[in-house]
Amino acid sequence: MMNILIVSATENEILIFKNYVSKNSESLQLSGQKANIDFLITGIGIMFTTYKLTQKLTQKKYDLIINAGIAGAFNKNLKLGDIVNVISETFGDFGIDDNGNFKTMFDAELIDKNLSPFDNGKIINNFNHNYDFINNLQKTSGITVNTVSGDKSKITDLNKKFNTDIETMENIAIFYICKMQNINFIALRAISNYVENRNKKNWKTNLAIQNLNNFLINNFYKI
C-alpha cells in the first residue's frame, strides 16, 4: 500500500478529485500500486503551507506527496489549462532592495546558494520517479512569491532575473520540506493565467481546475 498526500492551497483547486477519492477510497491504484490517499488544504502562501505540511508529517509517514494546484505562467508557450510538472523552484521576492535593485538573499550572500537543499539558489526535484503518469508532462521551473505579480514593470524585471516558466505562492515550501525530509514528491500545476497586467477576465481558472482534477482522476485507476 502506497500512502500518498495530496497538498493544495485551497479546497476548490482539488475538490473534484477529493470527491472522487471519497467514493473510491478502497479501490485506487497509481502506477500499479494500491494507493491510500489523504488530503491537506494548507491555505495560501509559504507560511501556511510550511506550518500545515510540517504538522501533517509529524502525524503520518507518506511515500509520495503530490502538490496540486493552479499557477500563473510567464512562459507564453504554455497554454491556459496545461498541466506541468515543476522540477525546479526558487524564491521570487525573498531578498533585499538595494536602492531600487532587487537582490535575492543568495545574490547578497546572506545565504549560501548551495546550502542544502539548494543548488545554485534553486531546489531541484531530482527524486527518481517511477510513475509513468507524469512522463508526458512538460517539465518547468518556477518561482514562489508572496505577492502575485500584476504590474508590467515588475513582471519584466522578474522575467529578466529568473527566466522562469511559472509563478506560485506555495511551491518553495513543498520543495524545501520534502527535500529536507527526503520525501518523494511531485509538483503539478495547471496554468490558469499568464503573468501579465492583472486582468482576471483573461484567466481560465475553471478550465485549469477541471483539467487538473481530470488528470488525477484518470491516473488513479480503480482496481
C-alpha atoms as a PDB file:
ATOM      1  CA  MET A   1       0.000   0.000   0.000  1.00  0.00           C
ATOM      2  CA  MET A   2       1.408   3.387  -1.030  1.00  0.00           C
ATOM      3  CA  ASN A   3       0.499   6.288   1.246  1.00  0.00           C
ATOM      4  CA  ILE A   4       0.015   9.470  -0.771  1.00  0.00           C
ATOM      5  CA  LEU A   5      -0.668  13.001   0.445  1.00  0.00           C
ATOM      6  CA  ILE A   6      -2.292  15.485  -1.929  1.00  0.00           C
ATOM      7  CA  VAL A   7      -1.401  19.042  -0.902  1.00  0.00           C
ATOM      8  CA  SER A   8      -3.348  22.049  -2.184  1.00  0.00           C
ATOM      9  CA  ALA A   9      -3.575  25.656  -1.080  1.00  0.00           C
ATOM     10  CA  THR A  10      -7.363  25.804  -1.449  1.00  0.00           C
ATOM     11  CA  GLU A  11     -10.024  23.119  -1.462  1.00  0.00           C
ATOM     12  CA  ASN A  12     -11.546  24.494  -4.663  1.00  0.00           C
ATOM     13  CA  GLU A  13      -8.426  23.515  -6.601  1.00  0.00           C
ATOM     14  CA  ILE A  14      -8.767  19.841  -5.711  1.00  0.00           C
ATOM     15  CA  LEU A  15     -12.425  19.322  -4.699  1.00  0.00           C
ATOM     16  CA  ILE A  16     -13.452  17.298  -7.781  1.00  0.00           C
ATOM     17  CA  PHE A  17     -10.686  14.758  -7.201  1.00  0.00           C
ATOM     18  CA  LYS A  18     -11.311  14.763  -3.455  1.00  0.00           C
ATOM     19  CA  ASN A  19     -14.935  13.786  -4.050  1.00  0.00           C
ATOM     20  CA  TYR A  20     -13.830  11.059  -6.470  1.00  0.00           C
ATOM     21  CA  VAL A  21     -11.447   9.609  -3.900  1.00  0.00           C
ATOM     22  CA  SER A  22     -14.105   9.618  -1.166  1.00  0.00           C
ATOM     23  CA  LYS A  23     -16.296   7.384  -3.363  1.00  0.00           C
ATOM     24  CA  ASN A  24     -13.478   5.041  -4.433  1.00  0.00           C
ATOM     25  CA  SER A  25     -11.052   5.142  -1.497  1.00  0.00           C
ATOM     26  CA  GLU A  26     -10.807   1.362  -1.160  1.00  0.00           C
ATOM     27  CA  SER A  27     -10.039   0.665  -4.807  1.00  0.00           C
ATOM     28  CA  LEU A  28      -7.441   3.146  -6.069  1.00  0.00           C
ATOM     29  CA  GLN A  29      -4.020   2.474  -7.514  1.00  0.00           C
ATOM     30  CA  LEU A  30      -1.223   4.508  -9.016  1.00  0.00           C
ATOM     31  CA  SER A  31       1.300   3.017 -11.431  1.00  0.00           C
ATOM     32  CA  GLY A  32       0.253  -0.497 -10.433  1.00  0.00           C
ATOM     33  CA  GLN A  33       0.391   0.058  -6.671  1.00  0.00           C
ATOM     34  CA  LYS A  34      -2.629   0.212  -4.403  1.00  0.00           C
ATOM     35  CA  ALA A  35      -2.920   3.737  -3.052  1.00  0.00           C
ATOM     36  CA  ASN A  36      -4.210   5.249   0.157  1.00  0.00           C
ATOM     37  CA  ILE A  37      -4.824   8.969  -0.392  1.00  0.00           C
ATOM     38  CA  ASP A  38      -5.048  11.750   2.191  1.00  0.00           C
ATOM     39  CA  PHE A  39      -5.649  15.429   1.506  1.00  0.00           C
ATOM     40  CA  LEU A  40      -4.136  18.526   3.084  1.00  0.00           C
ATOM     41  CA  ILE A  41      -5.545  22.001   2.447  1.00  0.00           C
ATOM     42  CA  THR A  42      -2.876  24.394   3.662  1.00  0.00           C
ATOM     43  CA  GLY A  43      -4.148  27.872   2.905  1.00  0.00           C
ATOM     44  CA  ILE A  44      -2.463  30.294   0.513  1.00  0.00           C
ATOM     45  CA  GLY A  45       1.200  31.197   0.863  1.00  0.00           C
ATOM     46  CA  ILE A  46       4.548  29.949   2.147  1.00  0.00           C
ATOM     47  CA  MET A  47       3.888  30.393   5.864  1.00  0.00           C
ATOM     48  CA  PHE A  48       0.600  28.488   5.983  1.00  0.00           C
ATOM     49  CA  THR A  49       1.898  25.740   3.709  1.00  0.00           C
ATOM     50  CA  THR A  50       5.048  25.269   5.767  1.00  0.00           C
ATOM     51  CA  TYR A  51       3.181  25.007   9.053  1.00  0.00           C
ATOM     52  CA  LYS A  52       0.365  22.754   7.868  1.00  0.00           C
ATOM     53  CA  LEU A  53       2.625  20.355   5.963  1.00  0.00           C
ATOM     54  CA  THR A  54       5.153  20.118   8.789  1.00  0.00           C
ATOM     55  CA  GLN A  55       2.344  19.425  11.255  1.00  0.00           C
ATOM     56  CA  LYS A  56       0.894  16.730   8.974  1.00  0.00           C
ATOM     57  CA  LEU A  57       4.236  14.981   8.579  1.00  0.00           C
ATOM     58  CA  THR A  58       4.593  14.622  12.345  1.00  0.00           C
ATOM     59  CA  GLN A  59       1.396  12.560  12.328  1.00  0.00           C
ATOM     60  CA  LYS A  60       1.945  10.154   9.442  1.00  0.00           C
ATOM     61  CA  LYS A  61       4.631   8.924   7.070  1.00  0.00           C
ATOM     62  CA  TYR A  62       3.998   9.272   3.327  1.00  0.00           C
ATOM     63  CA  ASP A  63       5.612   7.547   0.367  1.00  0.00           C
ATOM     64  CA  LEU A  64       4.693  10.338  -2.032  1.00  0.00           C
ATOM     65  CA  ILE A  65       3.494  13.913  -1.737  1.00  0.00           C
ATOM     66  CA  ILE A  66       1.720  15.488  -4.695  1.00  0.00           C
ATOM     67  CA  ASN A  67       1.368  19.245  -4.673  1.00  0.00           C
ATOM     68  CA  ALA A  68      -1.610  20.014  -6.916  1.00  0.00           C
ATOM     69  CA  GLY A  69      -2.923  23.447  -7.797  1.00  0.00           C
ATOM     70  CA  ILE A  70      -3.072  26.260 -10.319  1.00  0.00           C
ATOM     71  CA  ALA A  71      -0.370  28.698 -11.382  1.00  0.00           C
ATOM     72  CA  GLY A  72       0.352  31.741 -13.490  1.00  0.00           C
ATOM     73  CA  ALA A  73       2.698  31.324 -16.463  1.00  0.00           C
ATOM     74  CA  PHE A  74       5.488  33.597 -17.631  1.00  0.00           C
ATOM     75  CA  ASN A  75       6.164  31.206 -20.497  1.00  0.00           C
ATOM     76  CA  LYS A  76       3.668  32.017 -23.258  1.00  0.00           C
ATOM     77  CA  ASN A  77       4.414  28.675 -24.929  1.00  0.00           C
ATOM     78  CA  LEU A  78       2.372  27.107 -22.164  1.00  0.00           C
ATOM     79  CA  LYS A  79      -1.337  27.082 -22.928  1.00  0.00           C
ATOM     80  CA  LEU A  80      -4.030  28.025 -20.455  1.00  0.00           C
ATOM     81  CA  GLY A  81      -5.289  24.782 -18.960  1.00  0.00           C
ATOM     82  CA  ASP A  82      -1.987  22.936 -19.490  1.00  0.00           C
ATOM     83  CA  ILE A  83      -0.709  20.789 -16.628  1.00  0.00           C
ATOM     84  CA  VAL A  84       3.012  20.987 -15.927  1.00  0.00           C
ATOM     85  CA  ASN A  85       5.499  19.121 -13.761  1.00  0.00           C
ATOM     86  CA  VAL A  86       7.508  21.669 -11.774  1.00  0.00           C
ATOM     87  CA  ILE A  87      11.008  20.320 -11.193  1.00  0.00           C
ATOM     88  CA  SER A  88      12.904  23.467 -10.165  1.00  0.00           C
ATOM     89  CA  GLU A  89      11.908  26.148  -7.673  1.00  0.00           C
ATOM     90  CA  THR A  90      13.323  29.253  -6.022  1.00  0.00           C
ATOM     91  CA  PHE A  91      12.232  32.351  -4.135  1.00  0.00           C
ATOM     92  CA  GLY A  92      10.959  35.172  -6.339  1.00  0.00           C
ATOM     93  CA  ASP A  93      10.877  38.018  -3.814  1.00  0.00           C
ATOM     94  CA  PHE A  94      12.888  36.902  -0.787  1.00  0.00           C
ATOM     95  CA  GLY A  95      15.761  39.335  -0.593  1.00  0.00           C
ATOM     96  CA  ILE A  96      16.717  42.985  -0.214  1.00  0.00           C
ATOM     97  CA  ASP A  97      16.003  46.197  -2.083  1.00  0.00           C
ATOM     98  CA  ASP A  98      19.395  47.758  -2.779  1.00  0.00           C
ATOM     99  CA  ASN A  99      18.472  51.300  -3.887  1.00  0.00           C
ATOM    100  CA  GLY A 100      15.817  50.016  -6.258  1.00  0.00           C
ATOM    101  CA  ASN A 101      17.793  46.954  -7.332  1.00  0.00           C
ATOM    102  CA  PHE A 102      16.321  43.690  -6.053  1.00  0.00           C
ATOM    103  CA  LYS A 103      18.837  41.162  -4.839  1.00  0.00           C
ATOM    104  CA  THR A 104      17.933  37.703  -3.608  1.00  0.00           C
ATOM    105  CA  MET A 105      19.371  36.515  -0.327  1.00  0.00           C
ATOM    106  CA  PHE A 106      21.724  34.412  -2.431  1.00  0.00           C
ATOM    107  CA  ASP A 107      22.800  37.418  -4.537  1.00  0.00           C
ATOM    108  CA  ALA A 108      23.518  39.353  -1.355  1.00  0.00           C
ATOM    109  CA  GLU A 109      25.470  36.371   0.001  1.00  0.00           C
ATOM    110  CA  LEU A 110      23.336  36.338   3.146  1.00  0.00           C
ATOM    111  CA  ILE A 111      22.513  32.702   2.416  1.00  0.00           C
ATOM    112  CA  ASP A 112      24.881  30.269   0.728  1.00  0.00           C
ATOM    113  CA  LYS A 113      23.364  29.491  -2.687  1.00  0.00           C
ATOM    114  CA  ASN A 114      24.458  25.870  -2.254  1.00  0.00           C
ATOM    115  CA  LEU A 115      23.226  25.406   1.291  1.00  0.00           C
ATOM    116  CA  SER A 116      21.276  22.139   1.298  1.00  0.00           C
ATOM    117  CA  PRO A 117      18.829  21.594  -0.323  1.00  0.00           C
ATOM    118  CA  PHE A 118      19.670  24.498  -2.667  1.00  0.00           C
ATOM    119  CA  ASP A 119      21.758  24.091  -5.801  1.00  0.00           C
ATOM    120  CA  ASN A 120      22.950  27.442  -7.108  1.00  0.00           C
ATOM    121  CA  GLY A 121      19.992  29.102  -5.401  1.00  0.00           C
ATOM    122  CA  LYS A 122      17.384  26.615  -6.649  1.00  0.00           C
ATOM    123  CA  ILE A 123      15.802  23.479  -5.259  1.00  0.00           C
ATOM    124  CA  ILE A 124      15.704  20.712  -7.847  1.00  0.00           C
ATOM    125  CA  ASN A 125      13.295  17.804  -7.681  1.00  0.00           C
ATOM    126  CA  ASN A 126      15.740  15.058  -8.611  1.00  0.00           C
ATOM    127  CA  PHE A 127      13.945  12.159  -6.960  1.00  0.00           C
ATOM    128  CA  ASN A 128      13.850   9.033  -9.100  1.00  0.00           C
ATOM    129  CA  HIS A 129      10.178   8.941 -10.057  1.00  0.00           C
ATOM    130  CA  ASN A 130       8.886   5.577 -11.211  1.00  0.00           C
ATOM    131  CA  TYR A 131       5.476   6.969 -12.081  1.00  0.00           C
ATOM    132  CA  ASP A 132       4.668   6.862 -15.771  1.00  0.00           C
ATOM    133  CA  PHE A 133       1.693   9.212 -15.395  1.00  0.00           C
ATOM    134  CA  ILE A 134       3.981  12.273 -15.360  1.00  0.00           C
ATOM    135  CA  ASN A 135       6.207  11.235 -18.264  1.00  0.00           C
ATOM    136  CA  ASN A 136       4.347  13.268 -20.876  1.00  0.00           C
ATOM    137  CA  LEU A 137       4.028  16.437 -18.814  1.00  0.00           C
ATOM    138  CA  GLN A 138       6.237  19.389 -19.660  1.00  0.00           C
ATOM    139  CA  LYS A 139       8.954  19.928 -17.071  1.00  0.00           C
ATOM    140  CA  THR A 140       9.061  23.514 -15.853  1.00  0.00           C
ATOM    141  CA  SER A 141      10.838  25.855 -13.468  1.00  0.00           C
ATOM    142  CA  GLY A 142       9.074  28.124 -11.019  1.00  0.00           C
ATOM    143  CA  ILE A 143       9.412  30.981  -8.579  1.00  0.00           C
ATOM    144  CA  THR A 144       7.443  31.341  -5.366  1.00  0.00           C
ATOM    145  CA  VAL A 145       6.259  34.837  -4.431  1.00  0.00           C
ATOM    146  CA  ASN A 146       4.475  36.462  -1.526  1.00  0.00           C
ATOM    147  CA  THR A 147       2.754  38.962  -3.820  1.00  0.00           C
ATOM    148  CA  VAL A 148       1.227  37.771  -7.090  1.00  0.00           C
ATOM    149  CA  SER A 149       2.705  39.748  -9.988  1.00  0.00           C
ATOM    150  CA  GLY A 150       0.343  42.078 -11.837  1.00  0.00           C
ATOM    151  CA  ASP A 151       2.452  45.031 -12.931  1.00  0.00           C
ATOM    152  CA  LYS A 152       4.248  45.123 -16.282  1.00  0.00           C
ATOM    153  CA  SER A 153       7.499  46.620 -14.990  1.00  0.00           C
ATOM    154  CA  LYS A 154       7.756  44.112 -12.138  1.00  0.00           C
ATOM    155  CA  ILE A 155       6.953  41.236 -14.486  1.00  0.00           C
ATOM    156  CA  THR A 156       9.668  42.401 -16.882  1.00  0.00           C
ATOM    157  CA  ASP A 157      12.182  42.502 -14.026  1.00  0.00           C
ATOM    158  CA  LEU A 158      11.197  39.007 -12.831  1.00  0.00           C
ATOM    159  CA  ASN A 159      11.451  37.597 -16.344  1.00  0.00           C
ATOM    160  CA  LYS A 160      14.872  39.131 -16.812  1.00  0.00           C
ATOM    161  CA  LYS A 161      16.192  37.966 -13.463  1.00  0.00           C
ATOM    162  CA  PHE A 162      14.782  34.446 -13.217  1.00  0.00           C
ATOM    163  CA  ASN A 163      13.871  33.420 -16.791  1.00  0.00           C
ATOM    164  CA  THR A 164      11.348  31.020 -15.312  1.00  0.00           C
ATOM    165  CA  ASP A 165       8.156  29.339 -16.527  1.00  0.00           C
ATOM    166  CA  ILE A 166       5.593  29.782 -13.761  1.00  0.00           C
ATOM    167  CA  GLU A 167       4.758  31.630 -10.558  1.00  0.00           C
ATOM    168  CA  THR A 168       3.058  30.250  -7.435  1.00  0.00           C
ATOM    169  CA  MET A 169       2.692  31.243  -3.789  1.00  0.00           C
ATOM    170  CA  GLU A 170       3.483  27.861  -2.194  1.00  0.00           C
ATOM    171  CA  ASN A 171       5.827  25.661  -4.206  1.00  0.00           C
ATOM    172  CA  ILE A 172       9.076  26.562  -2.459  1.00  0.00           C
ATOM    173  CA  ALA A 173       7.647  25.343   0.863  1.00  0.00           C
ATOM    174  CA  ILE A 174       6.778  21.941  -0.620  1.00  0.00           C
ATOM    175  CA  PHE A 175      10.171  21.619  -2.296  1.00  0.00           C
ATOM    176  CA  TYR A 176      12.115  22.649   0.805  1.00  0.00           C
ATOM    177  CA  ILE A 177      10.305  20.408   3.281  1.00  0.00           C
ATOM    178  CA  CYS A 178      10.268  17.351   1.021  1.00  0.00           C
ATOM    179  CA  LYS A 179      13.945  17.646   0.133  1.00  0.00           C
ATOM    180  CA  MET A 180      14.988  18.227   3.745  1.00  0.00           C
ATOM    181  CA  GLN A 181      12.892  15.267   4.941  1.00  0.00           C
ATOM    182  CA  ASN A 182      13.839  13.094   1.943  1.00  0.00           C
ATOM    183  CA  ILE A 183      10.218  12.531   0.921  1.00  0.00           C
ATOM    184  CA  ASN A 184       9.450  11.758  -2.705  1.00  0.00           C
ATOM    185  CA  PHE A 185       7.262  14.477  -4.194  1.00  0.00           C
ATOM    186  CA  ILE A 186       5.729  15.766  -7.404  1.00  0.00           C
ATOM    187  CA  ALA A 187       4.580  19.333  -8.026  1.00  0.00           C
ATOM    188  CA  LEU A 188       1.711  19.525 -10.510  1.00  0.00           C
ATOM    189  CA  ARG A 189       0.345  22.888 -11.605  1.00  0.00           C
ATOM    190  CA  ALA A 190      -2.379  23.731 -14.106  1.00  0.00           C
ATOM    191  CA  ILE A 191      -1.965  27.054 -15.899  1.00  0.00           C
ATOM    192  CA  SER A 192      -4.868  29.366 -15.065  1.00  0.00           C
ATOM    193  CA  ASN A 193      -3.460  32.631 -16.413  1.00  0.00           C
ATOM    194  CA  TYR A 194      -0.459  34.382 -17.855  1.00  0.00           C
ATOM    195  CA  VAL A 195       1.613  36.603 -15.595  1.00  0.00           C
ATOM    196  CA  GLU A 196       0.745  39.989 -17.071  1.00  0.00           C
ATOM    197  CA  ASN A 197      -1.026  43.211 -16.108  1.00  0.00           C
ATOM    198  CA  ARG A 198      -3.740  41.897 -13.813  1.00  0.00           C
ATOM    199  CA  ASN A 199      -6.956  41.219 -15.735  1.00  0.00           C
ATOM    200  CA  LYS A 200      -8.989  38.302 -14.398  1.00  0.00           C
ATOM    201  CA  LYS A 201     -11.231  38.397 -17.481  1.00  0.00           C
ATOM    202  CA  ASN A 202      -8.381  36.700 -19.335  1.00  0.00           C
ATOM    203  CA  TRP A 203      -7.993  33.931 -16.772  1.00  0.00           C
ATOM    204  CA  LYS A 204      -9.150  30.350 -17.330  1.00  0.00           C
ATOM    205  CA  THR A 205      -9.272  29.241 -13.705  1.00  0.00           C
ATOM    206  CA  ASN A 206     -12.181  26.833 -14.087  1.00  0.00           C
ATOM    207  CA  LEU A 207     -10.558  25.183 -17.106  1.00  0.00           C
ATOM    208  CA  ALA A 208      -7.279  24.769 -15.220  1.00  0.00           C
ATOM    209  CA  ILE A 209      -9.007  23.254 -12.196  1.00  0.00           C
ATOM    210  CA  GLN A 210     -11.104  20.900 -14.314  1.00  0.00           C
ATOM    211  CA  ASN A 211      -8.064  19.716 -16.298  1.00  0.00           C
ATOM    212  CA  LEU A 212      -6.014  19.183 -13.146  1.00  0.00           C
ATOM    213  CA  ASN A 213      -8.708  17.138 -11.439  1.00  0.00           C
ATOM    214  CA  ASN A 214      -9.469  15.116 -14.570  1.00  0.00           C
ATOM    215  CA  PHE A 215      -5.768  14.344 -14.908  1.00  0.00           C
ATOM    216  CA  LEU A 216      -5.606  12.991 -11.375  1.00  0.00           C
ATOM    217  CA  ILE A 217      -8.823  11.011 -11.719  1.00  0.00           C
ATOM    218  CA  ASN A 218      -7.647   9.451 -14.984  1.00  0.00           C
ATOM    219  CA  ASN A 219      -4.357   8.329 -13.435  1.00  0.00           C
ATOM    220  CA  PHE A 220      -5.605   6.951 -10.127  1.00  0.00           C
ATOM    221  CA  TYR A 221      -7.287   3.885 -11.513  1.00  0.00           C
ATOM    222  CA  LYS A 222      -9.890   1.869  -9.698  1.00  0.00           C
ATOM    223  CA  ILE A 223      -8.785  -1.704  -9.087  1.00  0.00           C
END
